[in-house]
Every structure is written in C-alpha cells, then in structure tokens.
Amino acid sequence: MSESNSASRGIQLIVGLGNPGQQYANTRHNVGFWLAERLCEQSRAQLQPENKFKGHVAQIQSGNQTCRVILPMTYMNRSGEAVLAIAQFYKILPAEILVVHDELDLPVGSARLKFDGGHGGHNGLRDIDARLNTKGFYRLRLGIGHPGNKHDVTNYVLNRPSKSEEQTINTAIEHALTVLPDVLKGNIDKAMNVLHTVAK
C-alpha cells in the first residue's frame, strides 16, 4: 500500500504523541498533543481519562464520520501500549490510524502526511511499530527543526521552542486541521495536495 492510498473506512483513530505532565506540556516533543487537543476543542469534544486504554480519549464527529482521539499517558517510549489497547478494543486496523508527532527532519512549521515508513529514531513511533507489528499506519509529521547535533536531540525536543517557533508551529497545526475532514473520510490524496502546498 502506498502513502497515496486511502484508508478503507477512513481514519478511525487519531493518536497525538507527547509526554504527560505540566513540565512537558509546552515542549517540542508534545506538538502531537497540541494538535489533538486543538482538534478536540474545535469539535467540542472532551478528552476523558480511560484507564483501560492508558490515555485520554475523546470521540469527534466530522460529517458522517466518527473518529476517536487518544493522547497516550504512558510517556513517549511506551505510546504503543495505549495505541494497541484502543485499536484492539474497537477493532481498528493499522491503516485506519493517524499518528500525529513531532518531526526533527522537517523545518519548523512544516506539516506532512505520509503512510508507512521508518521511525527515524522517534521513540513513540518506534514503540507503536513494535506493538502493532507493522509500520502500515498514517503519520502527520509536524516539523520542529533539528538542533544540528544528534547529541543535543533529547535536550532539544524536551525544551520549549522560541516564541516565534511556537507561533510558526501553531500556524502549521491550524493548516493541518483544515485538511483533517478529508483525512478522516479517507481522501488522503486530496488532503496531502492541500497540506503540502500550503505548509512550506
């Protein structure tokens, strides 16, 4: 399946990646949380703790499409535990999952959709790959830039972006939210065309 193929039932689950706790809330590693929380605000959906899914969960409606949103509360390197638990319970296929995460290899303010691919050293993606036993899910990659030295990556992702970077990231999130209705319906090609044209 190529990244341009559509999910058969559309996207059934959106996973925002991040770390729980106020000390992490505004860090670069939590931009997946930022988008998921903003989506729930827009949809007037309340994220609620769900212990059996090890995360905070909401249900959103977009036209006739219903989709669940989860913020894993397991810390980043065990994100797959929450994803596997909710996917198994609701019988959601990997190809019906969209994982939203920070991306070091994209410039600050970029947003890109893709299907499949490696984890690129991202511990959240690495654990989801392992738990689902496949890389065959969608990713919405939010660019946070790279510190330039691989030894500085941990410190970089666990710190807050500058005010200007934060504003640029939030602008990219708003752009990404405009294409999510098409993503949810499985119109991935259309969503990618719009997002990749708008988000530079």
C-alpha atoms as a PDB file:
ATOM      1  CA  MET A   1       0.000   0.000   0.000  1.00  0.00           C
ATOM      2  CA  SER A   2       1.438   3.357  -0.985  1.00  0.00           C
ATOM      3  CA  GLU A   3       1.145   6.537   1.013  1.00  0.00           C
ATOM      4  CA  SER A   4      -1.371   7.876  -1.509  1.00  0.00           C
ATOM      5  CA  ASN A   5      -3.848   5.052  -0.954  1.00  0.00           C
ATOM      6  CA  SER A   6      -6.908   5.809   1.120  1.00  0.00           C
ATOM      7  CA  ALA A   7      -7.845   4.050   4.329  1.00  0.00           C
ATOM      8  CA  SER A   8     -10.850   1.809   3.593  1.00  0.00           C
ATOM      9  CA  ARG A   9     -13.147   3.257   6.270  1.00  0.00           C
ATOM     10  CA  GLY A  10     -11.282   6.495   6.598  1.00  0.00           C
ATOM     11  CA  ILE A  11      -9.332   7.263   9.735  1.00  0.00           C
ATOM     12  CA  GLN A  12     -10.889   5.718  12.841  1.00  0.00           C
ATOM     13  CA  LEU A  13      -8.256   6.766  15.383  1.00  0.00           C
ATOM     14  CA  ILE A  14      -6.070   9.838  15.772  1.00  0.00           C
ATOM     15  CA  VAL A  15      -3.129   9.465  18.141  1.00  0.00           C
ATOM     16  CA  GLY A  16      -1.460  12.616  19.440  1.00  0.00           C
ATOM     17  CA  LEU A  17       2.030  11.841  20.740  1.00  0.00           C
ATOM     18  CA  GLY A  18       3.569  13.567  23.726  1.00  0.00           C
ATOM     19  CA  ASN A  19       4.524  13.169  27.357  1.00  0.00           C
ATOM     20  CA  PRO A  20       2.049  13.664  30.222  1.00  0.00           C
ATOM     21  CA  GLY A  21       2.736  16.233  32.916  1.00  0.00           C
ATOM     22  CA  GLN A  22       2.868  20.010  33.068  1.00  0.00           C
ATOM     23  CA  GLN A  23       6.669  20.031  32.771  1.00  0.00           C
ATOM     24  CA  TYR A  24       6.376  18.633  29.238  1.00  0.00           C
ATOM     25  CA  ALA A  25       3.223  20.421  28.081  1.00  0.00           C
ATOM     26  CA  ASN A  26       4.924  23.193  26.084  1.00  0.00           C
ATOM     27  CA  THR A  27       7.895  21.212  24.763  1.00  0.00           C
ATOM     28  CA  ARG A  28       8.624  20.407  21.127  1.00  0.00           C
ATOM     29  CA  HIS A  29       8.076  16.690  21.780  1.00  0.00           C
ATOM     30  CA  ASN A  30       4.438  17.435  22.654  1.00  0.00           C
ATOM     31  CA  VAL A  31       3.274  19.046  19.430  1.00  0.00           C
ATOM     32  CA  GLY A  32       1.234  15.907  18.695  1.00  0.00           C
ATOM     33  CA  PHE A  33      -0.682  16.611  21.913  1.00  0.00           C
ATOM     34  CA  TRP A  34      -1.098  20.235  20.820  1.00  0.00           C
ATOM     35  CA  LEU A  35      -2.836  19.287  17.581  1.00  0.00           C
ATOM     36  CA  ALA A  36      -5.034  16.605  19.149  1.00  0.00           C
ATOM     37  CA  GLU A  37      -6.125  18.957  21.931  1.00  0.00           C
ATOM     38  CA  ARG A  38      -6.864  21.726  19.430  1.00  0.00           C
ATOM     39  CA  LEU A  39      -8.897  19.284  17.310  1.00  0.00           C
ATOM     40  CA  CYS A  40     -10.978  18.304  20.326  1.00  0.00           C
ATOM     41  CA  GLU A  41     -11.534  21.973  21.222  1.00  0.00           C
ATOM     42  CA  GLN A  42     -12.722  22.669  17.670  1.00  0.00           C
ATOM     43  CA  SER A  43     -15.006  19.641  17.782  1.00  0.00           C
ATOM     44  CA  ARG A  44     -16.264  20.472  21.292  1.00  0.00           C
ATOM     45  CA  ALA A  45     -15.213  17.002  22.364  1.00  0.00           C
ATOM     46  CA  GLN A  46     -13.955  16.419  25.896  1.00  0.00           C
ATOM     47  CA  LEU A  47     -10.847  14.312  26.420  1.00  0.00           C
ATOM     48  CA  GLN A  48     -11.508  11.931  29.309  1.00  0.00           C
ATOM     49  CA  PRO A  49      -9.134   9.589  31.174  1.00  0.00           C
ATOM     50  CA  GLU A  50      -9.655   5.963  30.096  1.00  0.00           C
ATOM     51  CA  ASN A  51      -7.536   3.665  32.256  1.00  0.00           C
ATOM     52  CA  LYS A  52      -8.126   0.596  30.096  1.00  0.00           C
ATOM     53  CA  PHE A  53      -6.619   2.479  27.154  1.00  0.00           C
ATOM     54  CA  LYS A  54      -3.846   4.124  29.206  1.00  0.00           C
ATOM     55  CA  GLY A  55      -4.727   7.512  27.783  1.00  0.00           C
ATOM     56  CA  HIS A  56      -7.124  10.415  27.480  1.00  0.00           C
ATOM     57  CA  VAL A  57      -9.800   9.685  24.894  1.00  0.00           C
ATOM     58  CA  ALA A  58     -12.437  11.690  23.025  1.00  0.00           C
ATOM     59  CA  GLN A  59     -14.812  10.985  20.166  1.00  0.00           C
ATOM     60  CA  ILE A  60     -15.224  13.533  17.403  1.00  0.00           C
ATOM     61  CA  GLN A  61     -17.702  13.810  14.556  1.00  0.00           C
ATOM     62  CA  SER A  62     -16.875  15.165  11.105  1.00  0.00           C
ATOM     63  CA  GLY A  63     -19.873  14.978   8.804  1.00  0.00           C
ATOM     64  CA  ASN A  64     -20.949  11.334   8.902  1.00  0.00           C
ATOM     65  CA  GLN A  65     -17.511  10.204  10.062  1.00  0.00           C
ATOM     66  CA  THR A  66     -16.880   9.306  13.703  1.00  0.00           C
ATOM     67  CA  CYS A  67     -13.312   9.129  14.929  1.00  0.00           C
ATOM     68  CA  ARG A  68     -11.655   8.558  18.288  1.00  0.00           C
ATOM     69  CA  VAL A  69      -8.759  10.661  19.536  1.00  0.00           C
ATOM     70  CA  ILE A  70      -6.263   9.408  22.109  1.00  0.00           C
ATOM     71  CA  LEU A  71      -3.416  11.061  23.980  1.00  0.00           C
ATOM     72  CA  PRO A  72      -1.337   8.217  25.462  1.00  0.00           C
ATOM     73  CA  MET A  73      -0.466   8.825  29.111  1.00  0.00           C
ATOM     74  CA  THR A  74       2.287   6.197  29.111  1.00  0.00           C
ATOM     75  CA  TYR A  75       5.178   8.540  28.318  1.00  0.00           C
ATOM     76  CA  MET A  76       6.534   8.672  24.807  1.00  0.00           C
ATOM     77  CA  ASN A  77       8.588   5.477  24.686  1.00  0.00           C
ATOM     78  CA  ARG A  78       5.557   3.335  25.615  1.00  0.00           C
ATOM     79  CA  SER A  79       2.986   5.055  23.401  1.00  0.00           C
ATOM     80  CA  GLY A  80       2.266   1.811  21.587  1.00  0.00           C
ATOM     81  CA  GLU A  81       0.660   0.316  24.703  1.00  0.00           C
ATOM     82  CA  ALA A  82      -2.197   2.820  24.503  1.00  0.00           C
ATOM     83  CA  VAL A  83      -2.498   2.585  20.711  1.00  0.00           C
ATOM     84  CA  LEU A  84      -2.660  -1.213  20.753  1.00  0.00           C
ATOM     85  CA  ALA A  85      -5.197  -1.291  23.598  1.00  0.00           C
ATOM     86  CA  ILE A  86      -7.705   1.054  21.935  1.00  0.00           C
ATOM     87  CA  ALA A  87      -7.152  -0.363  18.423  1.00  0.00           C
ATOM     88  CA  GLN A  88      -7.815  -3.912  19.610  1.00  0.00           C
ATOM     89  CA  PHE A  89     -10.875  -2.922  21.628  1.00  0.00           C
ATOM     90  CA  TYR A  90     -12.554  -1.071  18.735  1.00  0.00           C
ATOM     91  CA  LYS A  91     -11.163  -3.391  16.028  1.00  0.00           C
ATOM     92  CA  ILE A  92      -9.335  -0.543  14.302  1.00  0.00           C
ATOM     93  CA  LEU A  93      -6.868  -1.574  11.600  1.00  0.00           C
ATOM     94  CA  PRO A  94      -3.379  -0.017  11.499  1.00  0.00           C
ATOM     95  CA  ALA A  95      -4.226   1.591   8.120  1.00  0.00           C
ATOM     96  CA  GLU A  96      -7.128   3.401   9.855  1.00  0.00           C
ATOM     97  CA  ILE A  97      -4.797   5.069  12.381  1.00  0.00           C
ATOM     98  CA  LEU A  98      -3.247   8.546  12.081  1.00  0.00           C
ATOM     99  CA  VAL A  99      -0.347   9.265  14.441  1.00  0.00           C
ATOM    100  CA  VAL A 100       0.485  12.952  14.937  1.00  0.00           C
ATOM    101  CA  HIS A 101       4.068  13.576  16.043  1.00  0.00           C
ATOM    102  CA  ASP A 102       6.998  15.978  16.113  1.00  0.00           C
ATOM    103  CA  GLU A 103       9.481  15.600  13.267  1.00  0.00           C
ATOM    104  CA  LEU A 104      13.132  16.634  13.574  1.00  0.00           C
ATOM    105  CA  ASP A 105      13.765  16.155   9.861  1.00  0.00           C
ATOM    106  CA  LEU A 106      11.256  18.806   8.776  1.00  0.00           C
ATOM    107  CA  PRO A 107      11.702  22.579   9.118  1.00  0.00           C
ATOM    108  CA  VAL A 108       9.814  24.349  11.879  1.00  0.00           C
ATOM    109  CA  GLY A 109       6.252  24.977  10.727  1.00  0.00           C
ATOM    110  CA  SER A 110       6.097  22.202   8.124  1.00  0.00           C
ATOM    111  CA  ALA A 111       3.292  19.639   8.196  1.00  0.00           C
ATOM    112  CA  ARG A 112       3.390  16.497   6.076  1.00  0.00           C
ATOM    113  CA  LEU A 113       1.170  13.446   5.700  1.00  0.00           C
ATOM    114  CA  LYS A 114       2.615  10.063   4.867  1.00  0.00           C
ATOM    115  CA  PHE A 115       1.785   6.376   5.047  1.00  0.00           C
ATOM    116  CA  ASP A 116       4.264   3.799   6.326  1.00  0.00           C
ATOM    117  CA  GLY A 117       7.985   4.426   6.695  1.00  0.00           C
ATOM    118  CA  GLY A 118      10.640   4.215   9.388  1.00  0.00           C
ATOM    119  CA  HIS A 119      10.508   5.711  12.853  1.00  0.00           C
ATOM    120  CA  GLY A 120      13.540   7.936  12.273  1.00  0.00           C
ATOM    121  CA  GLY A 121      14.668   7.482  15.858  1.00  0.00           C
ATOM    122  CA  HIS A 122      11.355   8.728  17.259  1.00  0.00           C
ATOM    123  CA  ASN A 123      10.696   6.636  20.370  1.00  0.00           C
ATOM    124  CA  GLY A 124       6.922   6.999  20.176  1.00  0.00           C
ATOM    125  CA  LEU A 125       6.799   5.737  16.593  1.00  0.00           C
ATOM    126  CA  ARG A 126       9.312   3.015  17.407  1.00  0.00           C
ATOM    127  CA  ASP A 127       7.057   1.636  20.150  1.00  0.00           C
ATOM    128  CA  ILE A 128       3.901   1.861  18.026  1.00  0.00           C
ATOM    129  CA  ASP A 129       5.674  -0.013  15.204  1.00  0.00           C
ATOM    130  CA  ALA A 130       6.680  -2.726  17.661  1.00  0.00           C
ATOM    131  CA  ARG A 131       3.292  -3.071  19.392  1.00  0.00           C
ATOM    132  CA  LEU A 132       1.248  -3.085  16.179  1.00  0.00           C
ATOM    133  CA  ASN A 133       3.890  -5.218  14.457  1.00  0.00           C
ATOM    134  CA  THR A 134       3.615  -3.035  11.358  1.00  0.00           C
ATOM    135  CA  LYS A 135       4.660   0.350  10.007  1.00  0.00           C
ATOM    136  CA  GLY A 136       1.459   0.463   7.967  1.00  0.00           C
ATOM    137  CA  PHE A 137      -0.294   3.443   9.510  1.00  0.00           C
ATOM    138  CA  TYR A 138      -0.612   7.120   8.641  1.00  0.00           C
ATOM    139  CA  ARG A 139       1.569   9.809  10.148  1.00  0.00           C
ATOM    140  CA  LEU A 140       1.048  13.550  10.350  1.00  0.00           C
ATOM    141  CA  ARG A 141       4.539  14.929  10.835  1.00  0.00           C
ATOM    142  CA  LEU A 142       4.852  18.366  12.419  1.00  0.00           C
ATOM    143  CA  GLY A 143       8.249  19.926  11.763  1.00  0.00           C
ATOM    144  CA  ILE A 144      10.219  21.155  14.768  1.00  0.00           C
ATOM    145  CA  GLY A 145      13.605  21.524  13.054  1.00  0.00           C
ATOM    146  CA  HIS A 146      16.862  19.900  14.165  1.00  0.00           C
ATOM    147  CA  PRO A 147      19.412  21.215  16.680  1.00  0.00           C
ATOM    148  CA  GLY A 148      22.201  20.301  14.252  1.00  0.00           C
ATOM    149  CA  ASN A 149      23.956  17.908  16.610  1.00  0.00           C
ATOM    150  CA  LYS A 150      22.500  14.463  17.277  1.00  0.00           C
ATOM    151  CA  HIS A 151      23.867  14.576  20.817  1.00  0.00           C
ATOM    152  CA  ASP A 152      21.637  17.573  21.581  1.00  0.00           C
ATOM    153  CA  VAL A 153      18.392  15.966  20.325  1.00  0.00           C
ATOM    154  CA  THR A 154      16.992  14.833  23.693  1.00  0.00           C
ATOM    155  CA  ASN A 155      17.566  18.221  25.283  1.00  0.00           C
ATOM    156  CA  TYR A 156      16.148  19.946  22.195  1.00  0.00           C
ATOM    157  CA  VAL A 157      12.883  18.007  21.964  1.00  0.00           C
ATOM    158  CA  LEU A 158      12.269  18.234  25.710  1.00  0.00           C
ATOM    159  CA  ASN A 159      12.581  22.013  25.724  1.00  0.00           C
ATOM    160  CA  ARG A 160      10.161  24.700  24.703  1.00  0.00           C
ATOM    161  CA  PRO A 161      10.507  26.286  21.258  1.00  0.00           C
ATOM    162  CA  SER A 162      11.112  30.006  20.995  1.00  0.00           C
ATOM    163  CA  LYS A 163       8.054  32.256  20.838  1.00  0.00           C
ATOM    164  CA  SER A 164       8.436  32.712  17.085  1.00  0.00           C
ATOM    165  CA  GLU A 165       8.908  28.969  16.522  1.00  0.00           C
ATOM    166  CA  GLU A 166       5.884  28.210  18.699  1.00  0.00           C
ATOM    167  CA  GLN A 167       3.781  30.617  16.649  1.00  0.00           C
ATOM    168  CA  THR A 168       5.010  29.023  13.404  1.00  0.00           C
ATOM    169  CA  ILE A 169       4.229  25.516  14.691  1.00  0.00           C
ATOM    170  CA  ASN A 170       0.749  26.602  15.770  1.00  0.00           C
ATOM    171  CA  THR A 171       0.142  28.068  12.310  1.00  0.00           C
ATOM    172  CA  ALA A 172       1.119  24.708  10.782  1.00  0.00           C
ATOM    173  CA  ILE A 173      -1.257  22.961  13.181  1.00  0.00           C
ATOM    174  CA  GLU A 174      -4.104  25.225  12.073  1.00  0.00           C
ATOM    175  CA  HIS A 175      -3.309  24.420   8.423  1.00  0.00           C
ATOM    176  CA  ALA A 176      -3.247  20.704   9.205  1.00  0.00           C
ATOM    177  CA  LEU A 177      -6.618  20.918  10.964  1.00  0.00           C
ATOM    178  CA  THR A 178      -8.208  22.300   7.801  1.00  0.00           C
ATOM    179  CA  VAL A 179      -7.427  19.081   5.891  1.00  0.00           C
ATOM    180  CA  LEU A 180      -8.402  16.659   8.660  1.00  0.00           C
ATOM    181  CA  PRO A 181     -12.035  16.308   7.480  1.00  0.00           C
ATOM    182  CA  ASP A 182     -10.683  14.864   4.201  1.00  0.00           C
ATOM    183  CA  VAL A 183      -8.198  12.693   6.092  1.00  0.00           C
ATOM    184  CA  LEU A 184     -10.994  11.292   8.250  1.00  0.00           C
ATOM    185  CA  LYS A 185     -13.044  10.414   5.171  1.00  0.00           C
ATOM    186  CA  GLY A 186     -10.062   8.672   3.602  1.00  0.00           C
ATOM    187  CA  ASN A 187      -9.493  11.347   0.947  1.00  0.00           C
ATOM    188  CA  ILE A 188      -5.776  11.204   1.656  1.00  0.00           C
ATOM    189  CA  ASP A 189      -4.600  12.346  -1.794  1.00  0.00           C
ATOM    190  CA  LYS A 190      -6.732  15.489  -1.604  1.00  0.00           C
ATOM    191  CA  ALA A 191      -5.576  16.234   1.945  1.00  0.00           C
ATOM    192  CA  MET A 192      -1.922  15.762   1.006  1.00  0.00           C
ATOM    193  CA  ASN A 193      -2.224  18.010  -2.044  1.00  0.00           C
ATOM    194  CA  VAL A 194      -3.693  20.839   0.025  1.00  0.00           C
ATOM    195  CA  LEU A 195      -1.440  20.414   3.051  1.00  0.00           C
ATOM    196  CA  HIS A 196       1.786  20.023   1.135  1.00  0.00           C
ATOM    197  CA  THR A 197       1.012  23.073  -0.970  1.00  0.00           C
ATOM    198  CA  VAL A 198       0.104  25.290   1.997  1.00  0.00           C
ATOM    199  CA  ALA A 199       2.658  24.105   4.554  1.00  0.00           C
ATOM    200  CA  LYS A 200       6.136  25.118   3.497  1.00  0.00           C
END
